[in-house]
Amino acid sequence: MSNISRKPLLPSSLSSQLLNGTATADEIQQVADYLADLMRGVYGGDWRVSVNHEARFVMISENLR
């Protein structure tokens, strides 16, 4: 695993909201963006995030184009 610069852990208020199922759409997007940043730090490349609230689906994938 490469040595990457990490953001601080999620704030406790956000972690609590996620665990309790009360996160807002913006908070879900923030967490997905954070995970994409971690993937970028580990694997390099350009990562994209797609959040579909109707399908209850989050996708984080490398943009290979």
C-alpha atoms as a PDB file:
ATOM      1  CA  MET A   1       0.000   0.000   0.000  1.00  0.00           C
ATOM      2  CA  SER A   2       1.370   3.369  -0.916  1.00  0.00           C
ATOM      3  CA  ASN A   3       1.849   6.130   1.604  1.00  0.00           C
ATOM      4  CA  ILE A   4      -0.962   8.614   0.981  1.00  0.00           C
ATOM      5  CA  SER A   5      -1.982  11.812   2.627  1.00  0.00           C
ATOM      6  CA  ARG A   6      -5.234  11.109   4.421  1.00  0.00           C
ATOM      7  CA  LYS A   7      -8.014  13.433   5.342  1.00  0.00           C
ATOM      8  CA  PRO A   8      -9.131  13.321   8.940  1.00  0.00           C
ATOM      9  CA  LEU A   9     -11.706  10.718   9.836  1.00  0.00           C
ATOM     10  CA  LEU A  10     -15.308  11.664   9.276  1.00  0.00           C
ATOM     11  CA  PRO A  11     -16.611  14.040  11.922  1.00  0.00           C
ATOM     12  CA  SER A  12     -18.376  12.189  14.719  1.00  0.00           C
ATOM     13  CA  SER A  13     -21.650  13.992  13.954  1.00  0.00           C
ATOM     14  CA  LEU A  14     -21.567  12.754  10.358  1.00  0.00           C
ATOM     15  CA  SER A  15     -20.527   9.238  11.372  1.00  0.00           C
ATOM     16  CA  SER A  16     -23.425   9.135  13.823  1.00  0.00           C
ATOM     17  CA  GLN A  17     -25.893  10.310  11.172  1.00  0.00           C
ATOM     18  CA  LEU A  18     -24.668   7.698   8.731  1.00  0.00           C
ATOM     19  CA  LEU A  19     -24.965   4.928  11.315  1.00  0.00           C
ATOM     20  CA  ASN A  20     -28.434   6.095  12.353  1.00  0.00           C
ATOM     21  CA  GLY A  21     -29.656   6.387   8.767  1.00  0.00           C
ATOM     22  CA  THR A  22     -30.336  10.118   8.967  1.00  0.00           C
ATOM     23  CA  ALA A  23     -27.698  11.310   6.513  1.00  0.00           C
ATOM     24  CA  THR A  24     -28.736  13.850   3.911  1.00  0.00           C
ATOM     25  CA  ALA A  25     -28.046  13.548   0.198  1.00  0.00           C
ATOM     26  CA  ASP A  26     -25.214  16.089   0.541  1.00  0.00           C
ATOM     27  CA  GLU A  27     -23.594  14.075   3.328  1.00  0.00           C
ATOM     28  CA  ILE A  28     -23.798  10.892   1.262  1.00  0.00           C
ATOM     29  CA  GLN A  29     -22.108  12.719  -1.617  1.00  0.00           C
ATOM     30  CA  GLN A  30     -19.367  13.988   0.726  1.00  0.00           C
ATOM     31  CA  VAL A  31     -18.630  10.485   1.966  1.00  0.00           C
ATOM     32  CA  ALA A  32     -18.565   9.068  -1.570  1.00  0.00           C
ATOM     33  CA  ASP A  33     -16.204  11.863  -2.672  1.00  0.00           C
ATOM     34  CA  TYR A  34     -13.986  11.121   0.326  1.00  0.00           C
ATOM     35  CA  LEU A  35     -13.797   7.441  -0.602  1.00  0.00           C
ATOM     36  CA  ALA A  36     -12.958   8.392  -4.205  1.00  0.00           C
ATOM     37  CA  ASP A  37     -10.123  10.566  -2.863  1.00  0.00           C
ATOM     38  CA  LEU A  38      -8.785   7.594  -0.899  1.00  0.00           C
ATOM     39  CA  MET A  39      -8.961   5.387  -4.007  1.00  0.00           C
ATOM     40  CA  ARG A  40      -7.101   8.073  -5.986  1.00  0.00           C
ATOM     41  CA  GLY A  41      -4.422   8.176  -3.295  1.00  0.00           C
ATOM     42  CA  VAL A  42      -3.940   4.407  -3.266  1.00  0.00           C
ATOM     43  CA  TYR A  43      -4.313   3.591  -6.975  1.00  0.00           C
ATOM     44  CA  GLY A  44      -3.765   6.896  -8.767  1.00  0.00           C
ATOM     45  CA  GLY A  45      -5.881   7.819 -11.745  1.00  0.00           C
ATOM     46  CA  ASP A  46      -9.104   9.728 -12.077  1.00  0.00           C
ATOM     47  CA  TRP A  47     -12.052   8.420 -10.049  1.00  0.00           C
ATOM     48  CA  ARG A  48     -15.704   9.278 -10.512  1.00  0.00           C
ATOM     49  CA  VAL A  49     -18.638   9.069  -8.169  1.00  0.00           C
ATOM     50  CA  SER A  50     -22.235   8.338  -9.096  1.00  0.00           C
ATOM     51  CA  VAL A  51     -25.006   8.481  -6.504  1.00  0.00           C
ATOM     52  CA  ASN A  52     -28.537   7.426  -7.452  1.00  0.00           C
ATOM     53  CA  HIS A  53     -30.940   7.940  -4.569  1.00  0.00           C
ATOM     54  CA  GLU A  54     -33.922   6.460  -6.412  1.00  0.00           C
ATOM     55  CA  ALA A  55     -32.086   3.163  -6.913  1.00  0.00           C
ATOM     56  CA  ARG A  56     -30.276   3.525  -3.566  1.00  0.00           C
ATOM     57  CA  PHE A  57     -26.978   2.966  -5.325  1.00  0.00           C
ATOM     58  CA  VAL A  58     -23.503   4.482  -4.992  1.00  0.00           C
ATOM     59  CA  MET A  59     -20.750   3.724  -7.483  1.00  0.00           C
ATOM     60  CA  ILE A  60     -17.117   4.770  -7.278  1.00  0.00           C
ATOM     61  CA  SER A  61     -15.070   3.728 -10.300  1.00  0.00           C
ATOM     62  CA  GLU A  62     -11.930   4.672 -12.124  1.00  0.00           C
ATOM     63  CA  ASN A  63     -12.599   6.844 -15.154  1.00  0.00           C
ATOM     64  CA  LEU A  64     -10.646   4.991 -17.849  1.00  0.00           C
ATOM     65  CA  ARG A  65     -11.339   7.421 -20.694  1.00  0.00           C
END
